[in-house]
Amino acid sequence: MSQASHSDLHAEKILIVDFGSQVTQLIARRVRESGVYCEIHPFNAVDEAFIQAFGPKGVILSGGPASVHEQTTPRAPQALFDTASAVGSLPVLGICYGEQTMVAQTGGEVEASNHREFGRAFIQVTEDCPLFAGVWAKGEKHQVWMSHGDKIIRAPEGFRPVAVSDGSPFAAIAHDSGRMFGVQFHPEVVHTPDGARLLANFVHNIAGCAGDWTMAAFKDEAIQKVRDQVGDGRVICGLSGGVDSSVVAVLLHEAIGDQLTCVFVDHGLMREGEADQVVSLFRDTYNIPLVHRDASDLFLGELDGVTDPEVKRKTIGKLFIDVFEEEAKNVGGAKFLAQGTLYPDVIESVSFTGGPSVTIKSHHNVGGLPERMDMALVEPLRELFKDEVRALGRELGLPETFVGRHPFPGPGLAIRIPGAISRDKLDILRKADVIYLEEIRNAGLYDTIWQAFAVLLPVQTVGVMGDARTYDFVCALRAVTSTDGMTADYYPFDHEFLGRTANRIINEVKGINRVVYDVTSKPPGTIEWE
């Protein structure tokens, strides 16, 4: 991200310098949960000029995989630790590697440790410290989460140790006059039970942030930013019915009214009644100009006989772009294309490790269209995490049925029917899926589960119904819990629930005579079957 990419509307913000930790995003989550806006930027994109332009109230240095004592390793801007510098008076919190590079850059010493600490550990608080105020007291012992193989063996001048652990004589350090603090553990993860309160102490009590960054404030700022960017121009938005595109559509409509046109392409692979629900909500409830293109014949025709899951995805993606582009031309004169890009996508795209940008699902984020259609992008959600998008949707008045809905893949039911797709199979799957989700809602479990769905397997088995032999399909049920979809555990339904649901599906859905439950976690499996 460029220096100018951050929002100037956030009066109080925290800068997080990323050294490559797998949990850097969690730091941002905790800071935002405390009511303070923050952004993550890679260490090699941050220098003194950047920090001055960004204007943070405080800086957090993340963890990372490198070893400070090696010859060439990432470093924080030295100006942060130089009181003569324009940014040298900013409060700084170093976490794990962030603490170690702070120590190394200010005259201390770090070396490889014979006592590595990975996982749960306990620290002893040896001194009072502003970072611990109201949370931990001198003499107490507390659980934290460690993940390091190096240790600090000598603190720089002016720093004092305030907590120790079995493997870390400097598990936490403080430089009170310089407002610099370091912790060897990770306060951002849930395995450090008091970690969120420690981070809140840093951003509120030490950095002096008021904590008034709310979703209501973000909504007002985002609406103004859209108006400033778009002016009197026309905007088109690809609407899938998912949370991200729905929130984008309602936000834009509130900002620019009839300058917005949504395009909903129905590829015939939606769940039962979903297309009607999307169209009625946006056309009738919000009165948003909406183009509804029923392209199911085109999509299902092209998918006829296709069995390879990657070919399915690519076929659906290409057709979606073709149809969307066609409808966008019919709208005429649109200068802007709205997308539901989220903050994790942005973070990934500027990774200093050289990792590729995330693949955007062309089903609803229409990747590739901007260049072909010569339109500027409008991305009002690019500063938000998924749960923040849901909060914004509630702030905008979107019904809970849309805001709280489980994720639904761009290729739709096509990847929930392994093997060839047919209209008959789609009808069978839709009916089974409705029953499954209905039972989940009846049991009060829908909001506990990240994602749940039925899969129609390309397997037929022998059964008996009414003293007659059947030879019908197998239906697999899938339900997982997750925080971000990157990892997931299967949901532990009780057998009574599974038995009741299976009985209903077999009795009510013609074409299914056997039901199984998928107990695979991610990894090694994926959430979807294809």
Protein backbone atom coordinates (compact mmCIF):
# COMPACT_ATOMS: atom_id res chain seq x y z
CA MET A 1 0.00 0.00 0.00
CA SER A 2 1.19 3.48 -0.76
CA GLN A 3 1.56 6.14 1.88
CA ALA A 4 -1.52 7.86 0.55
CA SER A 5 -3.70 4.75 0.68
CA HIS A 6 -4.65 5.00 4.33
CA SER A 7 -7.70 6.98 5.30
CA ASP A 8 -7.10 10.55 6.41
CA LEU A 9 -10.51 10.44 8.08
CA HIS A 10 -9.23 8.29 10.96
CA ALA A 11 -8.03 10.90 13.43
CA GLU A 12 -6.59 8.34 15.84
CA LYS A 13 -4.85 5.26 14.53
CA ILE A 14 -2.22 2.68 15.40
CA LEU A 15 0.43 1.52 12.94
CA ILE A 16 1.28 -2.20 13.02
CA VAL A 17 4.63 -3.03 11.43
CA ASP A 18 4.51 -6.58 10.07
CA PHE A 19 7.56 -8.84 10.34
CA GLY A 20 5.78 -11.87 8.92
CA SER A 21 4.02 -13.44 11.90
CA GLN A 22 1.19 -15.83 11.09
CA VAL A 23 -0.97 -13.97 13.62
CA THR A 24 -0.26 -10.33 12.76
CA GLN A 25 -3.87 -9.89 11.63
CA LEU A 26 -4.98 -10.81 15.13
CA ILE A 27 -3.14 -7.78 16.51
CA ALA A 28 -5.25 -5.57 14.26
CA ARG A 29 -8.39 -7.41 15.31
CA ARG A 30 -7.70 -6.83 19.00
CA VAL A 31 -6.86 -3.16 18.51
CA ARG A 32 -10.03 -2.54 16.50
CA GLU A 33 -12.11 -4.45 19.03
CA SER A 34 -10.94 -1.91 21.60
CA GLY A 35 -12.40 0.88 19.46
CA VAL A 36 -9.20 2.09 17.79
CA TYR A 37 -8.51 2.07 14.06
CA CYS A 38 -5.25 0.51 12.88
CA GLU A 39 -3.49 -0.65 9.73
CA ILE A 40 -0.85 -3.30 8.99
CA HIS A 41 2.10 -2.40 6.78
CA PRO A 42 5.16 -4.56 5.93
CA PHE A 43 8.40 -3.53 7.62
CA ASN A 44 10.16 -2.88 4.31
CA ALA A 45 7.51 -0.32 3.29
CA VAL A 46 7.79 1.68 6.52
CA ASP A 47 10.38 4.41 7.11
CA GLU A 48 10.43 7.66 9.05
CA ALA A 49 8.72 9.60 6.26
CA PHE A 50 5.98 6.99 5.99
CA ILE A 51 5.33 7.12 9.74
CA GLN A 52 5.13 10.91 9.72
CA ALA A 53 2.68 10.85 6.80
CA PHE A 54 0.59 8.10 8.39
CA GLY A 55 0.39 9.96 11.70
CA PRO A 56 -0.16 7.14 14.20
CA LYS A 57 -0.66 7.64 17.93
CA GLY A 58 1.43 4.53 18.58
CA VAL A 59 3.31 1.72 16.81
CA ILE A 60 3.16 -2.04 17.37
CA LEU A 61 5.96 -4.27 16.04
CA SER A 62 4.68 -7.75 15.20
CA GLY A 63 6.29 -11.13 15.65
CA GLY A 64 8.04 -12.93 12.81
CA PRO A 65 9.98 -16.05 11.82
CA ALA A 66 13.46 -14.46 11.57
CA SER A 67 16.25 -14.51 14.17
CA VAL A 68 17.52 -11.08 15.19
CA HIS A 69 21.10 -12.33 15.79
CA GLU A 70 21.54 -13.45 12.16
CA GLN A 71 23.36 -11.12 9.76
CA THR A 72 20.52 -9.96 7.52
CA THR A 73 17.15 -9.82 9.26
CA PRO A 74 14.21 -7.41 9.21
CA ARG A 75 14.51 -4.24 11.26
CA ALA A 76 12.14 -1.58 12.47
CA PRO A 77 12.75 2.04 11.43
CA GLN A 78 15.60 3.16 13.68
CA ALA A 79 13.97 6.59 14.00
CA LEU A 80 11.31 5.05 16.27
CA PHE A 81 13.96 4.59 18.97
CA ASP A 82 15.75 7.90 18.43
CA THR A 83 14.41 10.64 20.68
CA ALA A 84 15.93 13.25 18.39
CA SER A 85 13.76 12.00 15.54
CA ALA A 86 10.36 13.44 14.69
CA VAL A 87 8.77 10.03 15.36
CA GLY A 88 11.03 9.04 18.26
CA SER A 89 8.50 10.09 20.88
CA LEU A 90 5.81 7.67 19.69
CA PRO A 91 4.86 4.85 22.07
CA VAL A 92 6.15 1.51 20.72
CA LEU A 93 5.13 -2.03 21.69
CA GLY A 94 7.28 -4.90 20.43
CA ILE A 95 5.75 -8.40 20.33
CA CYS A 96 8.02 -11.50 20.21
CA TYR A 97 10.36 -10.74 17.26
CA GLY A 98 9.23 -7.12 17.59
CA GLU A 99 10.58 -7.06 21.16
CA GLN A 100 13.82 -8.72 20.10
CA THR A 101 14.55 -6.31 17.25
CA MET A 102 13.74 -3.38 19.56
CA VAL A 103 16.32 -4.71 22.01
CA ALA A 104 18.93 -5.37 19.30
CA GLN A 105 18.43 -1.92 17.75
CA THR A 106 18.75 -0.08 21.06
CA GLY A 107 21.94 -1.72 22.36
CA GLY A 108 20.76 -4.96 23.98
CA GLU A 109 21.67 -8.53 23.11
CA VAL A 110 19.68 -11.49 21.75
CA GLU A 111 20.90 -15.05 21.21
CA ALA A 112 19.59 -18.50 20.29
CA SER A 113 18.13 -20.22 23.33
CA ASN A 114 18.62 -23.77 24.56
CA HIS A 115 15.21 -23.45 26.23
CA ARG A 116 12.77 -22.73 23.44
CA GLU A 117 9.19 -21.87 24.33
CA PHE A 118 6.31 -22.88 22.06
CA GLY A 119 2.72 -22.97 23.25
CA ARG A 120 1.24 -22.25 26.65
CA ALA A 121 3.65 -20.90 29.25
CA PHE A 122 3.47 -18.99 32.51
CA ILE A 123 5.14 -15.69 33.33
CA GLN A 124 5.88 -14.17 36.70
CA VAL A 125 5.20 -10.44 36.99
CA THR A 126 8.24 -8.98 38.75
CA GLU A 127 7.48 -5.24 38.56
CA ASP A 128 4.50 -2.94 38.10
CA CYS A 129 4.25 -1.51 34.60
CA PRO A 130 1.85 0.80 32.68
CA LEU A 131 1.26 -2.05 30.21
CA PHE A 132 -0.05 -4.24 33.04
CA ALA A 133 -2.03 -1.54 34.90
CA GLY A 134 -5.37 -2.87 36.14
CA VAL A 135 -4.69 -6.27 34.60
CA TRP A 136 -1.61 -7.83 36.24
CA ALA A 137 0.04 -6.96 39.54
CA LYS A 138 3.56 -7.51 40.85
CA GLY A 139 4.06 -11.03 42.19
CA GLU A 140 1.27 -12.63 40.14
CA LYS A 141 1.66 -15.55 37.73
CA HIS A 142 -0.25 -15.61 34.45
CA GLN A 143 -0.72 -17.85 31.42
CA VAL A 144 0.54 -16.59 28.07
CA TRP A 145 1.26 -18.02 24.62
CA MET A 146 4.91 -18.24 23.56
CA SER A 147 6.43 -19.02 20.15
CA HIS A 148 10.16 -18.32 20.05
CA GLY A 149 13.54 -20.00 19.86
CA ASP A 150 15.68 -16.95 20.73
CA LYS A 151 15.93 -15.03 23.97
CA ILE A 152 17.09 -11.66 25.21
CA ILE A 153 20.16 -12.03 27.44
CA ARG A 154 20.90 -8.34 28.04
CA ALA A 155 18.43 -5.45 28.06
CA PRO A 156 19.43 -2.08 26.58
CA GLU A 157 20.19 0.86 28.82
CA GLY A 158 17.00 2.41 30.20
CA PHE A 159 14.91 -0.77 29.92
CA ARG A 160 13.85 -2.77 32.96
CA PRO A 161 12.52 -6.33 33.06
CA VAL A 162 8.95 -6.46 34.34
CA ALA A 163 8.13 -10.17 33.82
CA VAL A 164 10.07 -13.43 33.50
CA SER A 165 9.36 -17.01 32.42
CA ASP A 166 11.32 -20.25 32.62
CA GLY A 167 12.89 -19.64 29.21
CA SER A 168 12.81 -15.83 29.09
CA PRO A 169 14.57 -13.65 31.67
CA PHE A 170 13.12 -10.65 29.81
CA ALA A 171 9.60 -11.96 29.05
CA ALA A 172 8.41 -8.35 29.29
CA ILE A 173 10.41 -5.12 29.40
CA ALA A 174 9.62 -1.44 29.80
CA HIS A 175 11.36 1.85 29.05
CA ASP A 176 9.01 4.16 30.91
CA SER A 177 10.42 7.55 29.91
CA GLY A 178 10.69 6.48 26.27
CA ARG A 179 7.27 4.81 26.30
CA MET A 180 8.76 1.64 24.79
CA PHE A 181 7.54 -1.79 25.84
CA GLY A 182 8.27 -5.33 24.75
CA VAL A 183 6.70 -8.71 25.41
CA GLN A 184 8.16 -12.07 24.41
CA PHE A 185 4.70 -13.67 24.38
CA HIS A 186 1.79 -13.10 21.98
CA PRO A 187 -1.00 -11.03 23.60
CA GLU A 188 -3.05 -11.11 20.40
CA VAL A 189 -3.95 -14.84 20.57
CA VAL A 190 -6.77 -16.22 22.70
CA HIS A 191 -4.32 -18.52 24.51
CA THR A 192 -3.07 -15.41 26.33
CA PRO A 193 -6.31 -14.86 28.27
CA ASP A 194 -5.54 -11.26 29.31
CA GLY A 195 -3.82 -10.31 26.06
CA ALA A 196 -6.63 -8.17 24.65
CA ARG A 197 -6.68 -6.10 27.86
CA LEU A 198 -2.90 -5.57 27.67
CA LEU A 199 -3.21 -4.34 24.07
CA ALA A 200 -6.08 -2.09 25.12
CA ASN A 201 -3.83 -0.65 27.85
CA PHE A 202 -1.21 0.16 25.21
CA VAL A 203 -3.53 1.85 22.72
CA HIS A 204 -5.66 3.69 25.30
CA ASN A 205 -3.58 4.42 28.39
CA ILE A 206 -0.12 4.62 26.84
CA ALA A 207 -0.81 5.83 23.28
CA GLY A 208 -3.73 7.98 24.46
CA CYS A 209 -6.37 6.85 21.95
CA ALA A 210 -9.94 7.62 23.00
CA GLY A 211 -11.38 4.47 21.45
CA ASP A 212 -14.23 6.11 19.58
CA TRP A 213 -13.77 4.27 16.27
CA THR A 214 -17.20 2.71 15.84
CA MET A 215 -18.98 1.12 12.92
CA ALA A 216 -21.42 4.03 12.89
CA ALA A 217 -18.48 6.42 12.46
CA PHE A 218 -16.96 4.19 9.79
CA LYS A 219 -20.27 4.09 7.90
CA ASP A 220 -20.49 7.89 7.78
CA GLU A 221 -16.85 8.18 6.67
CA ALA A 222 -17.22 5.49 4.02
CA ILE A 223 -20.33 7.15 2.56
CA GLN A 224 -18.51 10.46 2.32
CA LYS A 225 -15.46 8.82 0.70
CA VAL A 226 -17.68 7.18 -1.95
CA ARG A 227 -19.34 10.51 -2.72
CA ASP A 228 -15.97 12.24 -3.00
CA GLN A 229 -14.60 9.53 -5.30
CA VAL A 230 -17.63 9.03 -7.53
CA GLY A 231 -19.01 12.54 -7.83
CA ASP A 232 -21.90 12.36 -10.29
CA GLY A 233 -20.56 9.23 -12.06
CA ARG A 234 -22.43 5.96 -12.61
CA VAL A 235 -21.41 2.84 -10.65
CA ILE A 236 -22.16 -0.83 -11.32
CA CYS A 237 -21.92 -3.52 -8.65
CA GLY A 238 -21.84 -7.28 -9.18
CA LEU A 239 -24.37 -8.64 -6.67
CA SER A 240 -24.12 -12.27 -5.58
CA GLY A 241 -26.35 -12.18 -2.52
CA GLY A 242 -23.38 -12.87 -0.24
CA VAL A 243 -22.59 -10.69 2.76
CA ASP A 244 -19.81 -8.64 1.14
CA SER A 245 -21.59 -7.67 -2.08
CA SER A 246 -24.86 -7.06 -0.22
CA VAL A 247 -23.21 -4.63 2.21
CA VAL A 248 -21.38 -2.87 -0.63
CA ALA A 249 -24.63 -2.45 -2.54
CA VAL A 250 -26.59 -0.98 0.39
CA LEU A 251 -23.72 1.31 1.41
CA LEU A 252 -23.34 2.64 -2.13
CA HIS A 253 -27.06 3.14 -2.52
CA GLU A 254 -27.12 5.19 0.67
CA ALA A 255 -24.18 7.22 -0.66
CA ILE A 256 -25.17 7.83 -4.29
CA GLY A 257 -28.74 6.58 -4.77
CA ASP A 258 -29.77 5.95 -8.38
CA GLN A 259 -26.23 6.46 -9.67
CA LEU A 260 -25.79 2.81 -8.68
CA THR A 261 -26.96 -0.16 -10.72
CA CYS A 262 -26.56 -3.70 -9.38
CA VAL A 263 -26.19 -6.65 -11.71
CA PHE A 264 -27.30 -10.03 -10.37
CA VAL A 265 -26.33 -12.94 -12.61
CA ASP A 266 -28.30 -16.10 -11.72
CA HIS A 267 -26.22 -19.02 -12.96
CA GLY A 268 -28.78 -21.63 -11.96
CA LEU A 269 -26.53 -22.94 -9.18
CA MET A 270 -28.09 -21.05 -6.27
CA ARG A 271 -29.83 -22.60 -3.27
CA GLU A 272 -33.62 -22.97 -3.00
CA GLY A 273 -35.37 -19.62 -3.42
CA GLU A 274 -32.10 -17.69 -3.17
CA ALA A 275 -32.39 -15.75 -6.41
CA ASP A 276 -35.91 -14.59 -5.56
CA GLN A 277 -34.76 -13.57 -2.07
CA VAL A 278 -31.86 -11.49 -3.41
CA VAL A 279 -33.97 -9.78 -6.07
CA SER A 280 -36.89 -9.00 -3.74
CA LEU A 281 -34.62 -7.59 -1.02
CA PHE A 282 -32.73 -5.23 -3.29
CA ARG A 283 -35.42 -4.32 -5.77
CA ASP A 284 -38.40 -4.10 -3.45
CA THR A 285 -36.99 -3.37 0.02
CA TYR A 286 -34.18 -1.02 -0.95
CA ASN A 287 -35.51 0.09 -4.32
CA ILE A 288 -32.01 -0.24 -5.78
CA PRO A 289 -31.83 -0.32 -9.59
CA LEU A 290 -31.18 -3.98 -10.30
CA VAL A 291 -30.57 -5.94 -13.46
CA HIS A 292 -31.56 -9.59 -12.94
CA ARG A 293 -30.10 -11.81 -15.64
CA ASP A 294 -31.27 -15.41 -15.62
CA ALA A 295 -28.39 -17.17 -17.35
CA SER A 296 -29.08 -20.64 -15.96
CA ASP A 297 -29.57 -22.23 -19.39
CA LEU A 298 -26.23 -20.88 -20.58
CA PHE A 299 -24.30 -22.02 -17.49
CA LEU A 300 -25.89 -25.45 -17.17
CA GLY A 301 -25.47 -26.04 -20.89
CA GLU A 302 -21.75 -25.28 -20.75
CA LEU A 303 -21.34 -27.44 -17.62
CA ASP A 304 -23.11 -30.44 -19.12
CA GLY A 305 -20.82 -33.46 -18.81
CA VAL A 306 -18.02 -31.52 -17.02
CA THR A 307 -16.62 -33.54 -14.10
CA ASP A 308 -13.26 -31.93 -13.24
CA PRO A 309 -13.73 -29.43 -10.37
CA GLU A 310 -11.16 -26.94 -11.71
CA VAL A 311 -12.79 -26.97 -15.15
CA LYS A 312 -16.12 -26.34 -13.43
CA ARG A 313 -14.74 -23.32 -11.57
CA LYS A 314 -13.01 -21.86 -14.62
CA THR A 315 -16.05 -22.37 -16.83
CA ILE A 316 -18.33 -20.66 -14.31
CA GLY A 317 -15.84 -17.81 -13.79
CA LYS A 318 -15.44 -17.14 -17.52
CA LEU A 319 -19.18 -17.26 -18.20
CA PHE A 320 -19.89 -14.95 -15.29
CA ILE A 321 -17.44 -12.36 -16.59
CA ASP A 322 -18.89 -12.61 -20.10
CA VAL A 323 -22.49 -12.18 -18.90
CA PHE A 324 -21.62 -9.42 -16.42
CA GLU A 325 -19.66 -7.52 -19.05
CA GLU A 326 -22.59 -7.80 -21.45
CA GLU A 327 -25.07 -6.47 -18.87
CA ALA A 328 -22.68 -3.72 -17.78
CA LYS A 329 -22.51 -2.45 -21.36
CA ASN A 330 -26.29 -2.38 -21.46
CA VAL A 331 -26.30 -0.16 -18.37
CA GLY A 332 -24.17 2.31 -20.34
CA GLY A 333 -21.88 5.06 -19.18
CA ALA A 334 -20.69 3.48 -15.92
CA LYS A 335 -17.31 4.89 -14.88
CA PHE A 336 -16.89 2.84 -11.69
CA LEU A 337 -17.02 -0.81 -10.70
CA ALA A 338 -17.78 -1.66 -7.06
CA GLN A 339 -16.13 -4.68 -5.44
CA GLY A 340 -16.27 -6.30 -2.01
CA THR A 341 -12.51 -6.44 -1.45
CA LEU A 342 -11.76 -6.98 2.26
CA TYR A 343 -8.74 -6.04 4.37
CA PRO A 344 -7.19 -9.55 4.48
CA ASP A 345 -7.04 -9.41 0.65
CA VAL A 346 -5.20 -6.08 0.84
CA ILE A 347 -2.75 -7.34 3.47
CA GLU A 348 -1.97 -10.43 1.39
CA SER A 349 -1.41 -8.37 -1.74
CA VAL A 350 1.33 -6.28 -0.10
CA SER A 351 3.08 -9.16 1.67
CA PHE A 352 6.82 -8.52 1.87
CA THR A 353 7.46 -12.24 1.48
CA GLY A 354 6.47 -11.97 -2.15
CA GLY A 355 3.37 -14.09 -1.80
CA PRO A 356 0.81 -13.78 -4.57
CA SER A 357 -2.33 -11.76 -4.17
CA VAL A 358 -5.33 -13.80 -3.14
CA THR A 359 -7.37 -15.21 -6.00
CA ILE A 360 -10.61 -13.25 -6.17
CA LYS A 361 -13.64 -15.36 -7.00
CA SER A 362 -14.74 -14.01 -10.35
CA HIS A 363 -18.30 -15.12 -9.51
CA HIS A 364 -18.90 -12.04 -7.39
CA ASN A 365 -15.71 -9.97 -7.28
CA VAL A 366 -15.42 -9.94 -11.08
CA GLY A 367 -11.63 -10.17 -11.11
CA GLY A 368 -10.22 -9.04 -14.43
CA LEU A 369 -13.13 -6.81 -15.37
CA PRO A 370 -11.69 -3.40 -14.44
CA GLU A 371 -8.92 -3.52 -17.08
CA ARG A 372 -11.21 -4.90 -19.77
CA MET A 373 -13.97 -2.42 -19.07
CA ASP A 374 -11.87 0.66 -18.36
CA MET A 375 -13.56 1.51 -15.07
CA ALA A 376 -12.16 2.73 -11.77
CA LEU A 377 -12.62 0.53 -8.71
CA VAL A 378 -14.78 1.47 -5.74
CA GLU A 379 -13.86 -0.71 -2.73
CA PRO A 380 -15.51 0.68 0.41
CA LEU A 381 -14.84 -2.47 2.49
CA ARG A 382 -11.11 -2.72 1.87
CA GLU A 383 -10.30 -1.57 5.42
CA LEU A 384 -12.57 -4.15 7.12
CA PHE A 385 -12.36 -7.73 8.34
CA LYS A 386 -15.25 -10.13 7.67
CA ASP A 387 -16.87 -9.75 11.07
CA GLU A 388 -16.60 -5.95 10.73
CA VAL A 389 -18.43 -6.19 7.39
CA ARG A 390 -21.25 -7.98 9.20
CA ALA A 391 -21.29 -5.21 11.84
CA LEU A 392 -21.46 -2.58 9.07
CA GLY A 393 -24.33 -4.49 7.47
CA ARG A 394 -26.26 -4.33 10.74
CA GLU A 395 -25.46 -0.62 11.00
CA LEU A 396 -26.92 -0.18 7.50
CA GLY A 397 -30.08 -2.05 8.50
CA LEU A 398 -29.57 -5.18 6.42
CA PRO A 399 -31.75 -8.07 7.64
CA GLU A 400 -30.01 -10.64 9.82
CA THR A 401 -30.86 -13.30 7.22
CA PHE A 402 -28.30 -11.62 4.96
CA VAL A 403 -25.81 -10.30 7.50
CA GLY A 404 -25.44 -13.51 9.48
CA ARG A 405 -25.65 -16.01 6.63
CA HIS A 406 -23.01 -18.67 6.16
CA PRO A 407 -20.45 -18.19 3.38
CA PHE A 408 -21.58 -19.49 -0.01
CA PRO A 409 -19.05 -20.27 -2.77
CA GLY A 410 -19.03 -18.37 -6.04
CA PRO A 411 -19.48 -21.56 -8.13
CA GLY A 412 -22.50 -22.35 -5.98
CA LEU A 413 -23.92 -25.85 -5.89
CA ALA A 414 -21.68 -26.90 -8.78
CA ILE A 415 -18.91 -27.78 -6.32
CA ARG A 416 -21.31 -29.55 -3.98
CA ILE A 417 -22.14 -32.12 -6.65
CA PRO A 418 -18.87 -33.97 -7.31
CA GLY A 419 -18.86 -35.24 -10.88
CA ALA A 420 -21.30 -34.24 -13.59
CA ILE A 421 -24.06 -31.71 -12.85
CA SER A 422 -27.67 -32.02 -13.98
CA ARG A 423 -30.91 -30.19 -13.27
CA ASP A 424 -32.26 -33.30 -11.53
CA LYS A 425 -29.24 -33.50 -9.22
CA LEU A 426 -29.49 -29.79 -8.45
CA ASP A 427 -33.16 -30.18 -7.49
CA ILE A 428 -32.36 -33.13 -5.21
CA LEU A 429 -29.51 -31.27 -3.51
CA ARG A 430 -31.55 -28.10 -2.99
CA LYS A 431 -34.29 -30.03 -1.20
CA ALA A 432 -31.81 -31.85 1.05
CA ASP A 433 -29.96 -28.62 1.85
CA VAL A 434 -33.18 -26.85 2.87
CA ILE A 435 -34.06 -29.63 5.33
CA TYR A 436 -30.53 -29.71 6.80
CA LEU A 437 -30.37 -25.95 7.39
CA GLU A 438 -33.92 -25.94 8.73
CA GLU A 439 -32.98 -28.56 11.33
CA ILE A 440 -29.85 -26.56 12.26
CA ARG A 441 -31.93 -23.42 12.78
CA ASN A 442 -34.58 -25.34 14.75
CA ALA A 443 -31.82 -26.59 17.05
CA GLY A 444 -30.56 -23.02 17.58
CA LEU A 445 -27.14 -23.88 16.12
CA TYR A 446 -26.98 -21.76 12.95
CA ASP A 447 -24.98 -18.89 14.45
CA THR A 448 -22.61 -21.28 16.24
CA ILE A 449 -21.59 -22.92 12.97
CA TRP A 450 -19.32 -21.17 10.43
CA GLN A 451 -20.70 -23.04 7.44
CA ALA A 452 -23.08 -25.95 6.88
CA PHE A 453 -24.30 -27.56 3.67
CA ALA A 454 -25.32 -30.80 1.98
CA VAL A 455 -23.32 -32.56 -0.74
CA LEU A 456 -24.79 -34.94 -3.32
CA LEU A 457 -22.27 -37.71 -3.93
CA PRO A 458 -21.76 -39.43 -7.30
CA VAL A 459 -22.49 -42.72 -5.55
CA GLN A 460 -25.68 -44.77 -5.56
CA THR A 461 -26.44 -47.42 -2.98
CA VAL A 462 -29.04 -50.12 -2.47
CA GLY A 463 -31.77 -49.42 0.05
CA VAL A 464 -35.23 -50.60 0.96
CA MET A 465 -38.29 -48.37 1.30
CA GLY A 466 -41.82 -49.70 1.66
CA ASP A 467 -40.63 -53.27 1.07
CA ALA A 468 -39.23 -52.18 -2.31
CA ARG A 469 -35.62 -52.01 -3.41
CA THR A 470 -34.15 -48.56 -4.06
CA TYR A 471 -30.95 -47.57 -5.79
CA ASP A 472 -30.45 -43.89 -5.02
CA PHE A 473 -27.84 -41.28 -4.22
CA VAL A 474 -25.85 -40.74 -1.01
CA CYS A 475 -26.10 -37.33 0.66
CA ALA A 476 -23.18 -36.11 2.79
CA LEU A 477 -23.71 -33.44 5.45
CA ARG A 478 -20.93 -30.98 6.29
CA ALA A 479 -20.74 -28.47 9.17
CA VAL A 480 -17.65 -26.71 10.49
CA THR A 481 -16.64 -24.17 13.11
CA SER A 482 -13.99 -21.60 12.23
CA THR A 483 -12.93 -18.00 12.80
CA ASP A 484 -11.65 -17.15 9.33
CA GLY A 485 -12.14 -20.21 7.13
CA MET A 486 -8.39 -20.84 6.95
CA THR A 487 -8.65 -23.71 9.44
CA ALA A 488 -11.81 -25.47 10.57
CA ASP A 489 -13.09 -28.23 12.84
CA TYR A 490 -16.14 -30.35 12.11
CA TYR A 491 -19.14 -29.49 14.28
CA PRO A 492 -19.86 -32.21 16.89
CA PHE A 493 -23.59 -32.77 16.36
CA ASP A 494 -25.18 -35.26 18.72
CA HIS A 495 -26.44 -38.50 17.17
CA GLU A 496 -30.06 -37.59 17.85
CA PHE A 497 -29.74 -34.51 15.63
CA LEU A 498 -28.01 -36.45 12.86
CA GLY A 499 -30.54 -39.27 13.01
CA ARG A 500 -33.50 -36.89 12.88
CA THR A 501 -32.03 -34.91 9.97
CA ALA A 502 -31.10 -38.03 7.99
CA ASN A 503 -34.57 -39.48 8.52
CA ARG A 504 -36.22 -36.33 7.18
CA ILE A 505 -33.95 -36.13 4.13
CA ILE A 506 -34.51 -39.78 3.19
CA ASN A 507 -38.27 -39.55 3.71
CA GLU A 508 -38.81 -36.19 2.05
CA VAL A 509 -36.28 -36.09 -0.79
CA LYS A 510 -36.87 -38.52 -3.62
CA GLY A 511 -33.54 -39.71 -5.00
CA ILE A 512 -31.62 -40.04 -1.69
CA ASN A 513 -31.63 -43.25 0.35
CA ARG A 514 -28.52 -42.84 2.51
CA VAL A 515 -27.03 -39.97 4.57
CA VAL A 516 -23.48 -39.68 5.98
CA TYR A 517 -21.76 -37.00 8.09
CA ASP A 518 -18.30 -35.60 7.21
CA VAL A 519 -16.02 -35.47 10.27
CA THR A 520 -12.92 -34.18 8.44
CA SER A 521 -11.23 -31.05 9.78
CA LYS A 522 -9.29 -28.49 7.72
CA PRO A 523 -6.51 -29.39 7.27
CA PRO A 524 -6.24 -32.07 5.95
CA GLY A 525 -9.55 -31.59 4.12
CA THR A 526 -11.02 -28.42 2.69
CA ILE A 527 -14.38 -27.05 3.80
CA GLU A 528 -16.00 -27.54 0.40
CA TRP A 529 -15.73 -30.92 -1.31
CA GLU A 530 -14.44 -29.52 -4.62
